[in-house]
Each structure stands twice: as C-alpha cells, then as structure tokens.
Amino acid sequence: MIYTVKYYPEAEDDYENFNDFQKNQIDKAILKVLQNPLPQNEGGYGKPLGNKRGQNLTGLCKIKLKKLGIRIVYELIGSDKAIDIVVIAARADDEVYDIAAKRVSR
C-alpha cells in the first residue's frame, strides 16, 4: 500500500527554496519512500534517526540525497498511512536535524 504525504508548513517553504532540478530529485525520492516508508530495520526505505547531538529524534526517519547534499526528515503516521515531511534542507553540519527537533517539539 502506498502512503500519502503531508508537509509541515515550514517544509513546504523549504521545498520552494530549491531549484527545479532539485525539486525533481526530491519528488522522486519521496515517491520511492512512499512505497514503503517504514524504517530500514523494519524492511522499509527510511533511515531511522535516534539521538543526534543530544536531540531526541526517535520516531523520525531521513532520506538522503547524497549527490545533492540534501536531507529530508519525515515522521511516519502509521494510523493514517501517511508521512509528514518535517524538513527538507542541505545537510550543513547536521543543521537539518536541529531544525527537525525544533519543529517536532512544537
């Protein structure tokens, strides 16, 4: 079953800051993960996050676009068969994880 995707309002803004080529790559990565967004340790495509630099990101997963240096952090909402995109940003010294922690904690 394919999951649906939702975006935090800030993640929609993140997306709009990328050029068309980057958006196309982001879209492809999200579509792939939507087929099975479970964490890798449960047979899915998402790489689970835990504690990063003292921040508890348990329950979140990431998608890495290595060549572009972009990370997409999402939250799996199993009861809704959906994922919430929390942040889309350049890796930049784990800043993406700091942003994700702030957005989820609200």
N, C-alpha and C. Protein backbone atom coordinates (compact mmCIF):
# COMPACT_ATOMS: atom_id res chain seq x y z
N MET A 1 0.84 -1.19 0.00
CA MET A 1 0.00 0.00 0.00
C MET A 1 0.88 1.25 0.00
N ILE A 2 0.55 2.17 -0.85
CA ILE A 2 1.30 3.42 -0.90
C ILE A 2 0.73 4.39 0.12
N TYR A 3 1.62 5.02 0.83
CA TYR A 3 1.25 6.01 1.83
C TYR A 3 1.02 7.36 1.15
N THR A 4 0.36 8.25 1.86
CA THR A 4 0.20 9.63 1.38
C THR A 4 1.24 10.51 2.07
N VAL A 5 1.45 11.68 1.51
CA VAL A 5 2.44 12.60 2.07
C VAL A 5 1.77 13.90 2.48
N LYS A 6 2.19 14.39 3.64
CA LYS A 6 1.76 15.69 4.15
C LYS A 6 3.03 16.47 4.45
N TYR A 7 2.93 17.76 4.50
CA TYR A 7 4.09 18.61 4.79
C TYR A 7 3.80 19.53 5.96
N TYR A 8 4.78 19.66 6.85
CA TYR A 8 4.71 20.76 7.80
C TYR A 8 4.71 22.04 6.96
N PRO A 9 4.02 23.09 7.37
CA PRO A 9 4.02 24.33 6.58
C PRO A 9 5.44 24.84 6.29
N GLU A 10 6.33 24.72 7.27
CA GLU A 10 7.70 25.17 7.08
C GLU A 10 8.42 24.32 6.04
N ALA A 11 8.08 23.03 5.96
CA ALA A 11 8.70 22.13 4.98
C ALA A 11 8.26 22.50 3.56
N GLU A 12 7.04 22.98 3.43
CA GLU A 12 6.59 23.46 2.12
C GLU A 12 7.45 24.65 1.68
N ASP A 13 7.73 25.53 2.63
CA ASP A 13 8.61 26.67 2.35
C ASP A 13 10.02 26.20 1.99
N ASP A 14 10.51 25.20 2.73
CA ASP A 14 11.83 24.62 2.43
C ASP A 14 11.88 24.17 0.97
N TYR A 15 10.86 23.44 0.58
CA TYR A 15 10.79 22.88 -0.78
C TYR A 15 10.86 23.97 -1.84
N GLU A 16 10.14 25.04 -1.60
CA GLU A 16 10.08 26.13 -2.59
C GLU A 16 11.43 26.83 -2.78
N ASN A 17 12.34 26.68 -1.84
CA ASN A 17 13.65 27.32 -1.94
C ASN A 17 14.62 26.58 -2.87
N PHE A 18 14.24 25.40 -3.34
CA PHE A 18 15.11 24.64 -4.23
C PHE A 18 14.79 24.93 -5.69
N ASN A 19 15.79 24.71 -6.56
CA ASN A 19 15.55 24.92 -7.99
C ASN A 19 14.78 23.72 -8.56
N ASP A 20 14.39 23.84 -9.83
CA ASP A 20 13.54 22.80 -10.44
C ASP A 20 14.22 21.44 -10.48
N PHE A 21 15.50 21.39 -10.77
CA PHE A 21 16.22 20.11 -10.81
C PHE A 21 16.19 19.47 -9.42
N GLN A 22 16.50 20.25 -8.40
CA GLN A 22 16.50 19.72 -7.03
C GLN A 22 15.10 19.26 -6.63
N LYS A 23 14.09 20.03 -6.96
CA LYS A 23 12.71 19.65 -6.64
C LYS A 23 12.35 18.32 -7.30
N ASN A 24 12.78 18.14 -8.54
CA ASN A 24 12.51 16.89 -9.24
C ASN A 24 13.15 15.71 -8.51
N GLN A 25 14.38 15.87 -8.06
CA GLN A 25 15.07 14.80 -7.33
C GLN A 25 14.40 14.53 -5.97
N ILE A 26 13.98 15.60 -5.30
CA ILE A 26 13.28 15.47 -4.02
C ILE A 26 11.97 14.71 -4.23
N ASP A 27 11.23 15.09 -5.26
CA ASP A 27 9.95 14.41 -5.57
C ASP A 27 10.16 12.92 -5.81
N LYS A 28 11.18 12.58 -6.60
CA LYS A 28 11.46 11.17 -6.90
C LYS A 28 11.79 10.39 -5.63
N ALA A 29 12.60 11.00 -4.76
CA ALA A 29 12.99 10.32 -3.52
C ALA A 29 11.78 10.10 -2.62
N ILE A 30 10.93 11.10 -2.50
CA ILE A 30 9.73 10.97 -1.66
C ILE A 30 8.79 9.91 -2.24
N LEU A 31 8.60 9.90 -3.56
CA LEU A 31 7.73 8.89 -4.17
C LEU A 31 8.25 7.48 -3.93
N LYS A 32 9.55 7.31 -4.00
CA LYS A 32 10.12 5.99 -3.73
C LYS A 32 9.86 5.56 -2.29
N VAL A 33 10.11 6.47 -1.36
CA VAL A 33 9.94 6.15 0.06
C VAL A 33 8.47 5.91 0.39
N LEU A 34 7.56 6.59 -0.28
CA LEU A 34 6.13 6.40 -0.01
C LEU A 34 5.68 4.96 -0.25
N GLN A 35 6.40 4.24 -1.09
CA GLN A 35 6.04 2.84 -1.34
C GLN A 35 6.22 1.98 -0.09
N ASN A 36 7.21 2.34 0.74
CA ASN A 36 7.46 1.62 1.99
C ASN A 36 8.26 2.52 2.93
N PRO A 37 7.60 3.44 3.63
CA PRO A 37 8.30 4.43 4.45
C PRO A 37 8.77 3.93 5.81
N LEU A 38 8.54 2.67 6.08
CA LEU A 38 8.98 2.13 7.37
C LEU A 38 10.50 2.28 7.50
N PRO A 39 10.99 2.27 8.73
CA PRO A 39 12.45 2.31 8.92
C PRO A 39 13.11 1.09 8.28
N GLN A 40 14.37 1.24 7.92
CA GLN A 40 15.11 0.15 7.29
C GLN A 40 15.11 -1.11 8.15
N ASN A 41 15.17 -0.94 9.46
CA ASN A 41 15.19 -2.12 10.34
C ASN A 41 13.85 -2.85 10.37
N GLU A 42 12.83 -2.28 9.73
CA GLU A 42 11.52 -2.94 9.60
C GLU A 42 11.24 -3.27 8.14
N GLY A 43 12.27 -3.19 7.28
CA GLY A 43 12.13 -3.55 5.88
C GLY A 43 11.77 -2.43 4.95
N GLY A 44 11.76 -1.19 5.44
CA GLY A 44 11.40 -0.05 4.60
C GLY A 44 12.61 0.69 4.07
N TYR A 45 12.36 1.87 3.50
CA TYR A 45 13.41 2.68 2.90
C TYR A 45 13.96 3.77 3.82
N GLY A 46 13.25 4.13 4.86
CA GLY A 46 13.66 5.23 5.73
C GLY A 46 14.79 4.85 6.66
N LYS A 47 15.73 5.76 6.82
CA LYS A 47 16.81 5.53 7.78
C LYS A 47 16.40 6.17 9.10
N PRO A 48 16.21 5.35 10.15
CA PRO A 48 15.72 5.91 11.42
C PRO A 48 16.73 6.82 12.08
N LEU A 49 16.21 7.86 12.71
CA LEU A 49 17.03 8.77 13.49
C LEU A 49 16.82 8.44 14.96
N GLY A 50 17.79 8.66 15.74
CA GLY A 50 17.68 8.45 17.18
C GLY A 50 18.08 9.72 17.89
N ASN A 51 19.17 9.66 18.60
CA ASN A 51 19.71 10.84 19.26
C ASN A 51 20.83 11.42 18.41
N LYS A 52 20.65 12.64 17.98
CA LYS A 52 21.66 13.34 17.21
C LYS A 52 22.07 14.56 18.00
N ARG A 53 23.34 14.60 18.35
CA ARG A 53 23.89 15.76 19.07
C ARG A 53 23.01 16.13 20.27
N GLY A 54 22.60 15.11 21.02
CA GLY A 54 21.83 15.36 22.23
C GLY A 54 20.36 15.64 22.02
N GLN A 55 19.89 15.54 20.78
CA GLN A 55 18.48 15.79 20.50
C GLN A 55 17.79 14.47 20.22
N ASN A 56 16.66 14.28 20.84
CA ASN A 56 15.92 13.04 20.66
C ASN A 56 15.06 13.15 19.40
N LEU A 57 15.47 12.43 18.37
CA LEU A 57 14.73 12.43 17.11
C LEU A 57 14.11 11.06 16.86
N THR A 58 13.91 10.32 17.94
CA THR A 58 13.31 8.99 17.84
C THR A 58 11.93 9.11 17.21
N GLY A 59 11.65 8.21 16.29
CA GLY A 59 10.36 8.24 15.60
C GLY A 59 10.43 8.94 14.26
N LEU A 60 11.55 9.61 13.99
CA LEU A 60 11.73 10.28 12.70
C LEU A 60 12.67 9.45 11.84
N CYS A 61 12.51 9.60 10.54
CA CYS A 61 13.39 8.94 9.58
C CYS A 61 13.92 9.98 8.61
N LYS A 62 15.00 9.61 7.92
CA LYS A 62 15.55 10.54 6.94
C LYS A 62 15.72 9.85 5.59
N ILE A 63 15.70 10.69 4.58
CA ILE A 63 16.01 10.30 3.21
C ILE A 63 17.24 11.13 2.85
N LYS A 64 18.26 10.48 2.34
CA LYS A 64 19.48 11.19 1.97
C LYS A 64 19.60 11.27 0.46
N LEU A 65 19.76 12.48 -0.04
CA LEU A 65 20.09 12.69 -1.44
C LEU A 65 21.57 13.05 -1.46
N LYS A 66 22.40 12.04 -1.47
CA LYS A 66 23.83 12.22 -1.27
C LYS A 66 24.47 13.17 -2.26
N LYS A 67 24.19 13.00 -3.53
CA LYS A 67 24.84 13.83 -4.56
C LYS A 67 24.47 15.30 -4.43
N LEU A 68 23.29 15.57 -3.93
CA LEU A 68 22.84 16.96 -3.77
C LEU A 68 23.11 17.50 -2.38
N GLY A 69 23.48 16.62 -1.45
CA GLY A 69 23.72 17.06 -0.08
C GLY A 69 22.46 17.50 0.64
N ILE A 70 21.34 16.91 0.27
CA ILE A 70 20.04 17.28 0.84
C ILE A 70 19.54 16.15 1.73
N ARG A 71 18.93 16.51 2.84
CA ARG A 71 18.29 15.56 3.74
C ARG A 71 16.82 15.92 3.85
N ILE A 72 16.00 14.89 3.85
CA ILE A 72 14.56 15.04 4.07
C ILE A 72 14.25 14.26 5.33
N VAL A 73 13.71 14.93 6.32
CA VAL A 73 13.34 14.27 7.57
C VAL A 73 11.82 14.18 7.61
N TYR A 74 11.33 12.96 7.93
CA TYR A 74 9.90 12.76 7.98
C TYR A 74 9.50 11.95 9.20
N GLU A 75 8.22 12.08 9.49
CA GLU A 75 7.62 11.35 10.61
C GLU A 75 6.57 10.40 10.03
N LEU A 76 6.62 9.16 10.42
CA LEU A 76 5.67 8.16 9.94
C LEU A 76 4.42 8.21 10.80
N ILE A 77 3.28 8.37 10.16
CA ILE A 77 1.99 8.38 10.85
C ILE A 77 1.26 7.11 10.42
N GLY A 78 1.56 6.01 11.11
CA GLY A 78 1.05 4.70 10.72
C GLY A 78 -0.46 4.59 10.71
N SER A 79 -1.11 5.22 11.67
CA SER A 79 -2.57 5.11 11.76
C SER A 79 -3.26 5.77 10.57
N ASP A 80 -2.60 6.77 9.96
CA ASP A 80 -3.16 7.47 8.80
C ASP A 80 -2.59 6.97 7.49
N LYS A 81 -1.63 6.01 7.56
CA LYS A 81 -0.92 5.58 6.35
C LYS A 81 -0.36 6.80 5.61
N ALA A 82 0.33 7.65 6.37
CA ALA A 82 0.88 8.89 5.82
C ALA A 82 2.26 9.16 6.42
N ILE A 83 3.00 10.00 5.72
CA ILE A 83 4.23 10.53 6.29
C ILE A 83 4.10 12.05 6.31
N ASP A 84 4.63 12.65 7.36
CA ASP A 84 4.69 14.10 7.46
C ASP A 84 6.12 14.52 7.19
N ILE A 85 6.33 15.31 6.15
CA ILE A 85 7.66 15.84 5.86
C ILE A 85 7.90 16.97 6.85
N VAL A 86 8.94 16.82 7.67
CA VAL A 86 9.24 17.78 8.72
C VAL A 86 10.15 18.88 8.20
N VAL A 87 11.20 18.49 7.48
CA VAL A 87 12.17 19.46 6.98
C VAL A 87 12.85 18.91 5.73
N ILE A 88 13.17 19.82 4.81
CA ILE A 88 13.97 19.50 3.63
C ILE A 88 15.07 20.56 3.60
N ALA A 89 16.31 20.13 3.76
CA ALA A 89 17.40 21.11 3.84
C ALA A 89 18.73 20.48 3.45
N ALA A 90 19.69 21.37 3.19
CA ALA A 90 21.05 20.92 2.96
C ALA A 90 21.59 20.35 4.26
N ARG A 91 22.48 19.42 4.15
CA ARG A 91 23.00 18.73 5.33
C ARG A 91 23.68 19.70 6.28
N ALA A 92 24.55 20.54 5.81
CA ALA A 92 25.21 21.62 6.56
C ALA A 92 25.41 21.36 8.05
N ASP A 93 26.39 20.54 8.38
CA ASP A 93 26.76 20.30 9.79
C ASP A 93 25.59 19.89 10.66
N ASP A 94 24.76 19.02 10.17
CA ASP A 94 23.60 18.49 10.92
C ASP A 94 22.56 19.54 11.27
N GLU A 95 22.61 20.70 10.62
CA GLU A 95 21.62 21.74 10.88
C GLU A 95 20.20 21.23 10.61
N VAL A 96 20.06 20.35 9.62
CA VAL A 96 18.75 19.81 9.29
C VAL A 96 18.14 19.09 10.50
N TYR A 97 18.97 18.45 11.31
CA TYR A 97 18.46 17.73 12.47
C TYR A 97 18.07 18.70 13.59
N ASP A 98 18.78 19.80 13.71
CA ASP A 98 18.42 20.84 14.69
C ASP A 98 17.05 21.42 14.33
N ILE A 99 16.87 21.69 13.04
CA ILE A 99 15.59 22.24 12.58
C ILE A 99 14.45 21.24 12.84
N ALA A 100 14.71 19.97 12.52
CA ALA A 100 13.69 18.94 12.72
C ALA A 100 13.29 18.86 14.20
N ALA A 101 14.27 18.88 15.09
CA ALA A 101 13.97 18.79 16.53
C ALA A 101 13.10 19.95 16.98
N LYS A 102 13.38 21.15 16.49
CA LYS A 102 12.59 22.33 16.87
C LYS A 102 11.17 22.22 16.35
N ARG A 103 11.02 21.78 15.11
CA ARG A 103 9.68 21.72 14.51
C ARG A 103 8.81 20.65 15.16
N VAL A 104 9.39 19.52 15.48
CA VAL A 104 8.62 18.42 16.07
C VAL A 104 8.24 18.72 17.51
N SER A 105 9.07 19.46 18.20
CA SER A 105 8.82 19.73 19.63
C SER A 105 7.67 20.71 19.86
N ARG A 106 7.23 21.38 18.82
CA ARG A 106 6.13 22.34 18.99
C ARG A 106 4.79 21.68 19.06
